[in-house]
Amino acid sequence: LAAYYRKIPVAHVEAGLRSGNIHHPWPEEVNRK
């Protein structure tokens, strides 16, 4: 988010993991989304 605020492109390693439940795991599911 800090990079986005400065318009610096972000590369995300281990992207796309989804449990489908924003409370499991919490708060990680929302962080990665």
PDB file of all heavy atoms in Angstrom:
ATOM      1  N   LEU A   1       0.823  -1.208   0.000  1.00  0.00           N
ATOM      2  CA  LEU A   1       0.000   0.000   0.000  1.00  0.00           C
ATOM      3  C   LEU A   1       0.859   1.261   0.000  1.00  0.00           C
ATOM      4  O   LEU A   1       0.572   2.233  -0.712  1.00  0.00           O
ATOM      5  CB  LEU A   1      -0.928  -0.016   1.216  1.00  0.00           C
ATOM      6  CG  LEU A   1      -2.109   0.955   1.217  1.00  0.00           C
ATOM      7  CD1 LEU A   1      -2.992   0.752  -0.008  1.00  0.00           C
ATOM      8  CD2 LEU A   1      -2.926   0.779   2.502  1.00  0.00           C
ATOM      9  N   ALA A   2       1.941   1.252   0.770  1.00  0.00           N
ATOM     10  CA  ALA A   2       2.844   2.401   0.779  1.00  0.00           C
ATOM     11  C   ALA A   2       3.454   2.629  -0.606  1.00  0.00           C
ATOM     12  O   ALA A   2       3.634   3.766  -1.046  1.00  0.00           O
ATOM     13  CB  ALA A   2       3.941   2.202   1.827  1.00  0.00           C
ATOM     14  N   ALA A   3       3.773   1.529  -1.298  1.00  0.00           N
ATOM     15  CA  ALA A   3       4.299   1.660  -2.668  1.00  0.00           C
ATOM     16  C   ALA A   3       3.231   2.206  -3.601  1.00  0.00           C
ATOM     17  O   ALA A   3       3.505   3.098  -4.428  1.00  0.00           O
ATOM     18  CB  ALA A   3       4.793   0.296  -3.155  1.00  0.00           C
ATOM     19  N   TYR A   4       2.021   1.707  -3.481  1.00  0.00           N
ATOM     20  CA  TYR A   4       0.922   2.187  -4.324  1.00  0.00           C
ATOM     21  C   TYR A   4       0.691   3.681  -4.139  1.00  0.00           C
ATOM     22  O   TYR A   4       0.455   4.415  -5.106  1.00  0.00           O
ATOM     23  CB  TYR A   4      -0.351   1.403  -3.988  1.00  0.00           C
ATOM     24  CG  TYR A   4      -1.607   1.990  -4.570  1.00  0.00           C
ATOM     25  CD1 TYR A   4      -1.886   1.880  -5.935  1.00  0.00           C
ATOM     26  CD2 TYR A   4      -2.506   2.672  -3.754  1.00  0.00           C
ATOM     27  CE1 TYR A   4      -3.041   2.438  -6.464  1.00  0.00           C
ATOM     28  CE2 TYR A   4      -3.660   3.225  -4.285  1.00  0.00           C
ATOM     29  CZ  TYR A   4      -3.929   3.111  -5.637  1.00  0.00           C
ATOM     30  OH  TYR A   4      -5.064   3.663  -6.155  1.00  0.00           O
ATOM     31  N   TYR A   5       0.778   4.148  -2.908  1.00  0.00           N
ATOM     32  CA  TYR A   5       0.593   5.579  -2.657  1.00  0.00           C
ATOM     33  C   TYR A   5       1.635   6.417  -3.384  1.00  0.00           C
ATOM     34  O   TYR A   5       1.414   7.607  -3.635  1.00  0.00           O
ATOM     35  CB  TYR A   5       0.670   5.858  -1.157  1.00  0.00           C
ATOM     36  CG  TYR A   5      -0.539   5.411  -0.363  1.00  0.00           C
ATOM     37  CD1 TYR A   5      -0.443   5.202   1.006  1.00  0.00           C
ATOM     38  CD2 TYR A   5      -1.772   5.204  -0.967  1.00  0.00           C
ATOM     39  CE1 TYR A   5      -1.541   4.788   1.755  1.00  0.00           C
ATOM     40  CE2 TYR A   5      -2.868   4.797  -0.236  1.00  0.00           C
ATOM     41  CZ  TYR A   5      -2.750   4.593   1.128  1.00  0.00           C
ATOM     42  OH  TYR A   5      -3.843   4.191   1.859  1.00  0.00           O
ATOM     43  N   ARG A   6       2.776   5.817  -3.702  1.00  0.00           N
ATOM     44  CA  ARG A   6       3.850   6.524  -4.413  1.00  0.00           C
ATOM     45  C   ARG A   6       3.927   6.128  -5.890  1.00  0.00           C
ATOM     46  O   ARG A   6       4.891   6.467  -6.564  1.00  0.00           O
ATOM     47  CB  ARG A   6       5.186   6.245  -3.701  1.00  0.00           C
ATOM     48  CG  ARG A   6       5.259   6.938  -2.345  1.00  0.00           C
ATOM     49  CD  ARG A   6       6.266   6.286  -1.411  1.00  0.00           C
ATOM     50  NE  ARG A   6       6.331   7.035  -0.149  1.00  0.00           N
ATOM     51  CZ  ARG A   6       5.439   6.892   0.848  1.00  0.00           C
ATOM     52  NH1 ARG A   6       4.433   6.048   0.721  1.00  0.00           N
ATOM     53  NH2 ARG A   6       5.558   7.611   1.955  1.00  0.00           N
ATOM     54  N   LYS A   7       2.943   5.366  -6.345  1.00  0.00           N
ATOM     55  CA  LYS A   7       2.872   4.906  -7.732  1.00  0.00           C
ATOM     56  C   LYS A   7       4.092   4.088  -8.122  1.00  0.00           C
ATOM     57  O   LYS A   7       4.555   4.131  -9.269  1.00  0.00           O
ATOM     58  CB  LYS A   7       2.663   6.089  -8.690  1.00  0.00           C
ATOM     59  CG  LYS A   7       1.349   6.819  -8.447  1.00  0.00           C
ATOM     60  CD  LYS A   7       1.086   7.912  -9.466  1.00  0.00           C
ATOM     61  CE  LYS A   7      -0.274   8.568  -9.209  1.00  0.00           C
ATOM     62  NZ  LYS A   7      -0.558   9.652 -10.175  1.00  0.00           N
ATOM     63  N   ILE A   8       4.622   3.331  -7.150  1.00  0.00           N
ATOM     64  CA  ILE A   8       5.713   2.390  -7.410  1.00  0.00           C
ATOM     65  C   ILE A   8       5.077   1.027  -7.661  1.00  0.00           C
ATOM     66  O   ILE A   8       4.283   0.558  -6.846  1.00  0.00           O
ATOM     67  CB  ILE A   8       6.670   2.308  -6.207  1.00  0.00           C
ATOM     68  CG1 ILE A   8       7.306   3.667  -5.928  1.00  0.00           C
ATOM     69  CG2 ILE A   8       7.760   1.250  -6.459  1.00  0.00           C
ATOM     70  CD1 ILE A   8       8.065   3.732  -4.613  1.00  0.00           C
ATOM     71  N   PRO A   9       5.391   0.364  -8.771  1.00  0.00           N
ATOM     72  CA  PRO A   9       4.748  -0.923  -9.053  1.00  0.00           C
ATOM     73  C   PRO A   9       5.136  -1.991  -8.028  1.00  0.00           C
ATOM     74  O   PRO A   9       6.261  -2.019  -7.525  1.00  0.00           O
ATOM     75  CB  PRO A   9       5.246  -1.280 -10.455  1.00  0.00           C
ATOM     76  CG  PRO A   9       6.473  -0.459 -10.667  1.00  0.00           C
ATOM     77  CD  PRO A   9       6.293   0.791  -9.861  1.00  0.00           C
ATOM     78  N   VAL A  10       4.172  -2.848  -7.744  1.00  0.00           N
ATOM     79  CA  VAL A  10       4.325  -3.893  -6.734  1.00  0.00           C
ATOM     80  C   VAL A  10       4.312  -5.261  -7.404  1.00  0.00           C
ATOM     81  O   VAL A  10       3.455  -5.540  -8.267  1.00  0.00           O
ATOM     82  CB  VAL A  10       3.178  -3.816  -5.698  1.00  0.00           C
ATOM     83  CG1 VAL A  10       3.213  -5.010  -4.743  1.00  0.00           C
ATOM     84  CG2 VAL A  10       3.254  -2.505  -4.924  1.00  0.00           C
ATOM     85  N   ALA A  11       5.249  -6.111  -7.008  1.00  0.00           N
ATOM     86  CA  ALA A  11       5.251  -7.518  -7.400  1.00  0.00           C
ATOM     87  C   ALA A  11       4.897  -8.346  -6.171  1.00  0.00           C
ATOM     88  O   ALA A  11       5.467  -8.155  -5.098  1.00  0.00           O
ATOM     89  CB  ALA A  11       6.613  -7.934  -7.950  1.00  0.00           C
ATOM     90  N   HIS A  12       3.949  -9.251  -6.342  1.00  0.00           N
ATOM     91  CA  HIS A  12       3.406 -10.019  -5.220  1.00  0.00           C
ATOM     92  C   HIS A  12       3.806 -11.484  -5.370  1.00  0.00           C
ATOM     93  O   HIS A  12       3.336 -12.176  -6.280  1.00  0.00           O
ATOM     94  CB  HIS A  12       1.886  -9.876  -5.178  1.00  0.00           C
ATOM     95  CG  HIS A  12       1.256 -10.444  -3.944  1.00  0.00           C
ATOM     96  ND1 HIS A  12      -0.095 -10.723  -3.864  1.00  0.00           N
ATOM     97  CD2 HIS A  12       1.782 -10.795  -2.738  1.00  0.00           C
ATOM     98  CE1 HIS A  12      -0.371 -11.193  -2.667  1.00  0.00           C
ATOM     99  NE2 HIS A  12       0.751 -11.255  -1.969  1.00  0.00           N
ATOM    100  N   VAL A  13       4.684 -11.942  -4.489  1.00  0.00           N
ATOM    101  CA  VAL A  13       5.088 -13.348  -4.449  1.00  0.00           C
ATOM    102  C   VAL A  13       4.070 -14.123  -3.615  1.00  0.00           C
ATOM    103  O   VAL A  13       3.633 -13.661  -2.564  1.00  0.00           O
ATOM    104  CB  VAL A  13       6.505 -13.485  -3.854  1.00  0.00           C
ATOM    105  CG1 VAL A  13       6.902 -14.956  -3.721  1.00  0.00           C
ATOM    106  CG2 VAL A  13       7.518 -12.728  -4.701  1.00  0.00           C
ATOM    107  N   GLU A  14       3.698 -15.305  -4.079  1.00  0.00           N
ATOM    108  CA  GLU A  14       2.663 -16.139  -3.461  1.00  0.00           C
ATOM    109  C   GLU A  14       1.304 -15.450  -3.580  1.00  0.00           C
ATOM    110  O   GLU A  14       0.542 -15.319  -2.625  1.00  0.00           O
ATOM    111  CB  GLU A  14       2.984 -16.470  -2.004  1.00  0.00           C
ATOM    112  CG  GLU A  14       2.192 -17.664  -1.471  1.00  0.00           C
ATOM    113  CD  GLU A  14       2.490 -17.962  -0.010  1.00  0.00           C
ATOM    114  OE1 GLU A  14       2.165 -17.130   0.863  1.00  0.00           O
ATOM    115  OE2 GLU A  14       3.034 -19.043   0.252  1.00  0.00           O
ATOM    116  N   ALA A  15       1.003 -15.028  -4.774  1.00  0.00           N
ATOM    117  CA  ALA A  15      -0.252 -14.335  -5.058  1.00  0.00           C
ATOM    118  C   ALA A  15      -1.358 -15.335  -5.365  1.00  0.00           C
ATOM    119  O   ALA A  15      -1.104 -16.444  -5.839  1.00  0.00           O
ATOM    120  CB  ALA A  15      -0.066 -13.387  -6.240  1.00  0.00           C
ATOM    121  N   GLY A  16      -2.591 -14.917  -5.093  1.00  0.00           N
ATOM    122  CA  GLY A  16      -3.751 -15.674  -5.526  1.00  0.00           C
ATOM    123  C   GLY A  16      -4.280 -16.696  -4.543  1.00  0.00           C
ATOM    124  O   GLY A  16      -5.244 -17.401  -4.860  1.00  0.00           O
ATOM    125  N   LEU A  17      -3.699 -16.804  -3.365  1.00  0.00           N
ATOM    126  CA  LEU A  17      -4.244 -17.727  -2.382  1.00  0.00           C
ATOM    127  C   LEU A  17      -5.567 -17.189  -1.858  1.00  0.00           C
ATOM    128  O   LEU A  17      -5.649 -16.023  -1.482  1.00  0.00           O
ATOM    129  CB  LEU A  17      -3.263 -17.927  -1.215  1.00  0.00           C
ATOM    130  CG  LEU A  17      -2.165 -18.979  -1.428  1.00  0.00           C
ATOM    131  CD1 LEU A  17      -1.239 -18.571  -2.564  1.00  0.00           C
ATOM    132  CD2 LEU A  17      -1.370 -19.182  -0.155  1.00  0.00           C
ATOM    133  N   ARG A  18      -6.566 -18.028  -1.838  1.00  0.00           N
ATOM    134  CA  ARG A  18      -7.885 -17.604  -1.377  1.00  0.00           C
ATOM    135  C   ARG A  18      -8.555 -18.754  -0.620  1.00  0.00           C
ATOM    136  O   ARG A  18      -8.625 -19.881  -1.111  1.00  0.00           O
ATOM    137  CB  ARG A  18      -8.787 -17.209  -2.552  1.00  0.00           C
ATOM    138  CG  ARG A  18      -8.278 -16.032  -3.385  1.00  0.00           C
ATOM    139  CD  ARG A  18      -8.381 -14.721  -2.632  1.00  0.00           C
ATOM    140  NE  ARG A  18      -8.016 -13.610  -3.482  1.00  0.00           N
ATOM    141  CZ  ARG A  18      -6.780 -13.103  -3.590  1.00  0.00           C
ATOM    142  NH1 ARG A  18      -5.772 -13.662  -2.912  1.00  0.00           N
ATOM    143  NH2 ARG A  18      -6.544 -12.066  -4.366  1.00  0.00           N
ATOM    144  N   SER A  19      -9.045 -18.438   0.569  1.00  0.00           N
ATOM    145  CA  SER A  19      -9.866 -19.403   1.296  1.00  0.00           C
ATOM    146  C   SER A  19     -11.338 -19.185   0.993  1.00  0.00           C
ATOM    147  O   SER A  19     -12.162 -20.077   1.197  1.00  0.00           O
ATOM    148  CB  SER A  19      -9.633 -19.281   2.804  1.00  0.00           C
ATOM    149  OG  SER A  19     -10.221 -18.091   3.313  1.00  0.00           O
ATOM    150  N   GLY A  20     -11.698 -17.960   0.556  1.00  0.00           N
ATOM    151  CA  GLY A  20     -13.085 -17.623   0.312  1.00  0.00           C
ATOM    152  C   GLY A  20     -13.830 -17.148   1.546  1.00  0.00           C
ATOM    153  O   GLY A  20     -15.028 -16.871   1.488  1.00  0.00           O
ATOM    154  N   ASN A  21     -13.110 -16.992   2.651  1.00  0.00           N
ATOM    155  CA  ASN A  21     -13.727 -16.553   3.908  1.00  0.00           C
ATOM    156  C   ASN A  21     -12.837 -15.480   4.515  1.00  0.00           C
ATOM    157  O   ASN A  21     -11.692 -15.765   4.893  1.00  0.00           O
ATOM    158  CB  ASN A  21     -13.871 -17.738   4.869  1.00  0.00           C
ATOM    159  CG  ASN A  21     -14.603 -17.381   6.156  1.00  0.00           C
ATOM    160  OD1 ASN A  21     -14.561 -16.238   6.630  1.00  0.00           O
ATOM    161  ND2 ASN A  21     -15.267 -18.368   6.739  1.00  0.00           N
ATOM    162  N   ILE A  22     -13.352 -14.252   4.625  1.00  0.00           N
ATOM    163  CA  ILE A  22     -12.495 -13.153   5.076  1.00  0.00           C
ATOM    164  C   ILE A  22     -12.110 -13.265   6.551  1.00  0.00           C
ATOM    165  O   ILE A  22     -11.261 -12.499   7.028  1.00  0.00           O
ATOM    166  CB  ILE A  22     -13.140 -11.776   4.818  1.00  0.00           C
ATOM    167  CG1 ILE A  22     -14.444 -11.612   5.615  1.00  0.00           C
ATOM    168  CG2 ILE A  22     -13.354 -11.561   3.328  1.00  0.00           C
ATOM    169  CD1 ILE A  22     -14.984 -10.191   5.573  1.00  0.00           C
ATOM    170  N   HIS A  23     -12.699 -14.206   7.266  1.00  0.00           N
ATOM    171  CA  HIS A  23     -12.352 -14.392   8.671  1.00  0.00           C
ATOM    172  C   HIS A  23     -11.507 -15.639   8.915  1.00  0.00           C
ATOM    173  O   HIS A  23     -11.133 -15.914  10.053  1.00  0.00           O
ATOM    174  CB  HIS A  23     -13.623 -14.457   9.521  1.00  0.00           C
ATOM    175  CG  HIS A  23     -14.456 -13.210   9.440  1.00  0.00           C
ATOM    176  ND1 HIS A  23     -14.023 -12.001   9.932  1.00  0.00           N
ATOM    177  CD2 HIS A  23     -15.672 -12.982   8.898  1.00  0.00           C
ATOM    178  CE1 HIS A  23     -14.953 -11.073   9.709  1.00  0.00           C
ATOM    179  NE2 HIS A  23     -15.957 -11.646   9.074  1.00  0.00           N
ATOM    180  N   HIS A  24     -11.201 -16.406   7.868  1.00  0.00           N
ATOM    181  CA  HIS A  24     -10.383 -17.611   7.994  1.00  0.00           C
ATOM    182  C   HIS A  24      -9.470 -17.705   6.775  1.00  0.00           C
ATOM    183  O   HIS A  24      -9.963 -18.011   5.695  1.00  0.00           O
ATOM    184  CB  HIS A  24     -11.252 -18.864   8.080  1.00  0.00           C
ATOM    185  CG  HIS A  24     -12.069 -18.970   9.316  1.00  0.00           C
ATOM    186  ND1 HIS A  24     -11.595 -19.538  10.467  1.00  0.00           N
ATOM    187  CD2 HIS A  24     -13.332 -18.570   9.593  1.00  0.00           C
ATOM    188  CE1 HIS A  24     -12.533 -19.496  11.401  1.00  0.00           C
ATOM    189  NE2 HIS A  24     -13.596 -18.902  10.895  1.00  0.00           N
ATOM    190  N   PRO A  25      -8.180 -17.500   6.854  1.00  0.00           N
ATOM    191  CA  PRO A  25      -7.480 -17.007   8.043  1.00  0.00           C
ATOM    192  C   PRO A  25      -7.653 -15.493   8.180  1.00  0.00           C
ATOM    193  O   PRO A  25      -7.784 -14.784   7.181  1.00  0.00           O
ATOM    194  CB  PRO A  25      -6.030 -17.357   7.765  1.00  0.00           C
ATOM    195  CG  PRO A  25      -5.915 -17.294   6.276  1.00  0.00           C
ATOM    196  CD  PRO A  25      -7.250 -17.765   5.739  1.00  0.00           C
ATOM    197  N   TRP A  26      -7.640 -15.054   9.398  1.00  0.00           N
ATOM    198  CA  TRP A  26      -7.868 -13.642   9.724  1.00  0.00           C
ATOM    199  C   TRP A  26      -6.623 -13.066  10.373  1.00  0.00           C
ATOM    200  O   TRP A  26      -6.069 -13.687  11.281  1.00  0.00           O
ATOM    201  CB  TRP A  26      -9.040 -13.541  10.696  1.00  0.00           C
ATOM    202  CG  TRP A  26      -9.316 -12.156  11.179  1.00  0.00           C
ATOM    203  CD1 TRP A  26     -10.063 -11.202  10.576  1.00  0.00           C
ATOM    204  CD2 TRP A  26      -8.834 -11.554  12.391  1.00  0.00           C
ATOM    205  NE1 TRP A  26     -10.080 -10.055  11.321  1.00  0.00           N
ATOM    206  CE2 TRP A  26      -9.323 -10.249  12.441  1.00  0.00           C
ATOM    207  CE3 TRP A  26      -8.003 -11.996  13.437  1.00  0.00           C
ATOM    208  CZ2 TRP A  26      -9.035  -9.363  13.495  1.00  0.00           C
ATOM    209  CZ3 TRP A  26      -7.712 -11.133  14.474  1.00  0.00           C
ATOM    210  CH2 TRP A  26      -8.237  -9.826  14.505  1.00  0.00           C
ATOM    211  N   PRO A  27      -6.135 -11.900   9.905  1.00  0.00           N
ATOM    212  CA  PRO A  27      -6.647 -11.033   8.831  1.00  0.00           C
ATOM    213  C   PRO A  27      -6.003 -11.298   7.473  1.00  0.00           C
ATOM    214  O   PRO A  27      -6.114 -10.483   6.567  1.00  0.00           O
ATOM    215  CB  PRO A  27      -6.253  -9.643   9.340  1.00  0.00           C
ATOM    216  CG  PRO A  27      -4.920  -9.885  10.013  1.00  0.00           C
ATOM    217  CD  PRO A  27      -5.031 -11.252  10.664  1.00  0.00           C
ATOM    218  N   GLU A  28      -5.332 -12.431   7.343  1.00  0.00           N
ATOM    219  CA  GLU A  28      -4.521 -12.663   6.152  1.00  0.00           C
ATOM    220  C   GLU A  28      -5.326 -12.692   4.856  1.00  0.00           C
ATOM    221  O   GLU A  28      -4.842 -12.239   3.802  1.00  0.00           O
ATOM    222  CB  GLU A  28      -3.725 -13.968   6.319  1.00  0.00           C
ATOM    223  CG  GLU A  28      -2.576 -13.881   7.303  1.00  0.00           C
ATOM    224  CD  GLU A  28      -3.003 -14.059   8.752  1.00  0.00           C
ATOM    225  OE1 GLU A  28      -4.221 -14.304   9.011  1.00  0.00           O
ATOM    226  OE2 GLU A  28      -2.141 -13.962   9.645  1.00  0.00           O
ATOM    227  N   GLU A  29      -6.550 -13.233   4.906  1.00  0.00           N
ATOM    228  CA  GLU A  29      -7.338 -13.309   3.675  1.00  0.00           C
ATOM    229  C   GLU A  29      -7.573 -11.927   3.079  1.00  0.00           C
ATOM    230  O   GLU A  29      -7.442 -11.727   1.861  1.00  0.00           O
ATOM    231  CB  GLU A  29      -8.671 -14.008   3.948  1.00  0.00           C
ATOM    232  CG  GLU A  29      -9.586 -14.130   2.733  1.00  0.00           C
ATOM    233  CD  GLU A  29      -9.204 -15.247   1.784  1.00  0.00           C
ATOM    234  OE1 GLU A  29      -8.184 -15.940   2.034  1.00  0.00           O
ATOM    235  OE2 GLU A  29      -9.915 -15.444   0.778  1.00  0.00           O
ATOM    236  N   VAL A  30      -7.888 -10.953   3.909  1.00  0.00           N
ATOM    237  CA  VAL A  30      -8.097  -9.595   3.408  1.00  0.00           C
ATOM    238  C   VAL A  30      -6.774  -8.950   3.009  1.00  0.00           C
ATOM    239  O   VAL A  30      -6.699  -8.240   1.991  1.00  0.00           O
ATOM    240  CB  VAL A  30      -8.843  -8.749   4.463  1.00  0.00           C
ATOM    241  CG1 VAL A  30      -8.749  -7.255   4.145  1.00  0.00           C
ATOM    242  CG2 VAL A  30     -10.308  -9.171   4.511  1.00  0.00           C
ATOM    243  N   ASN A  31      -5.710  -9.194   3.774  1.00  0.00           N
ATOM    244  CA  ASN A  31      -4.401  -8.617   3.420  1.00  0.00           C
ATOM    245  C   ASN A  31      -4.003  -8.984   1.999  1.00  0.00           C
ATOM    246  O   ASN A  31      -3.595  -8.131   1.205  1.00  0.00           O
ATOM    247  CB  ASN A  31      -3.330  -9.112   4.390  1.00  0.00           C
ATOM    248  CG  ASN A  31      -3.402  -8.458   5.760  1.00  0.00           C
ATOM    249  OD1 ASN A  31      -4.055  -7.424   5.922  1.00  0.00           O
ATOM    250  ND2 ASN A  31      -2.751  -9.057   6.736  1.00  0.00           N
ATOM    251  N   ARG A  32      -4.118 -10.261   1.659  1.00  0.00           N
ATOM    252  CA  ARG A  32      -3.649 -10.668   0.332  1.00  0.00           C
ATOM    253  C   ARG A  32      -4.604 -10.209  -0.764  1.00  0.00           C
ATOM    254  O   ARG A  32      -4.182  -9.947  -1.895  1.00  0.00           O
ATOM    255  CB  ARG A  32      -3.408 -12.172   0.278  1.00  0.00           C
ATOM    256  CG  ARG A  32      -4.567 -13.037   0.676  1.00  0.00           C
ATOM    257  CD  ARG A  32      -4.177 -14.517   0.585  1.00  0.00           C
ATOM    258  NE  ARG A  32      -5.168 -15.345   1.241  1.00  0.00           N
ATOM    259  CZ  ARG A  32      -4.932 -16.091   2.317  1.00  0.00           C
ATOM    260  NH1 ARG A  32      -3.732 -16.127   2.844  1.00  0.00           N
ATOM    261  NH2 ARG A  32      -5.888 -16.830   2.839  1.00  0.00           N
ATOM    262  N   LYS A  33      -5.887 -10.088  -0.450  1.00  0.00           N
ATOM    263  CA  LYS A  33      -6.827  -9.570  -1.443  1.00  0.00           C
ATOM    264  C   LYS A  33      -6.540  -8.100  -1.736  1.00  0.00           C
ATOM    265  O   LYS A  33      -6.640  -7.651  -2.886  1.00  0.00           O
ATOM    266  CB  LYS A  33      -8.264  -9.747  -0.943  1.00  0.00           C
ATOM    267  CG  LYS A  33      -8.771 -11.179  -1.019  1.00  0.00           C
ATOM    268  CD  LYS A  33     -10.125 -11.350  -0.347  1.00  0.00           C
ATOM    269  CE  LYS A  33     -11.237 -10.652  -1.103  1.00  0.00           C
ATOM    270  NZ  LYS A  33     -11.551 -11.338  -2.379  1.00  0.00           N
TER     271      LYS A  33
END
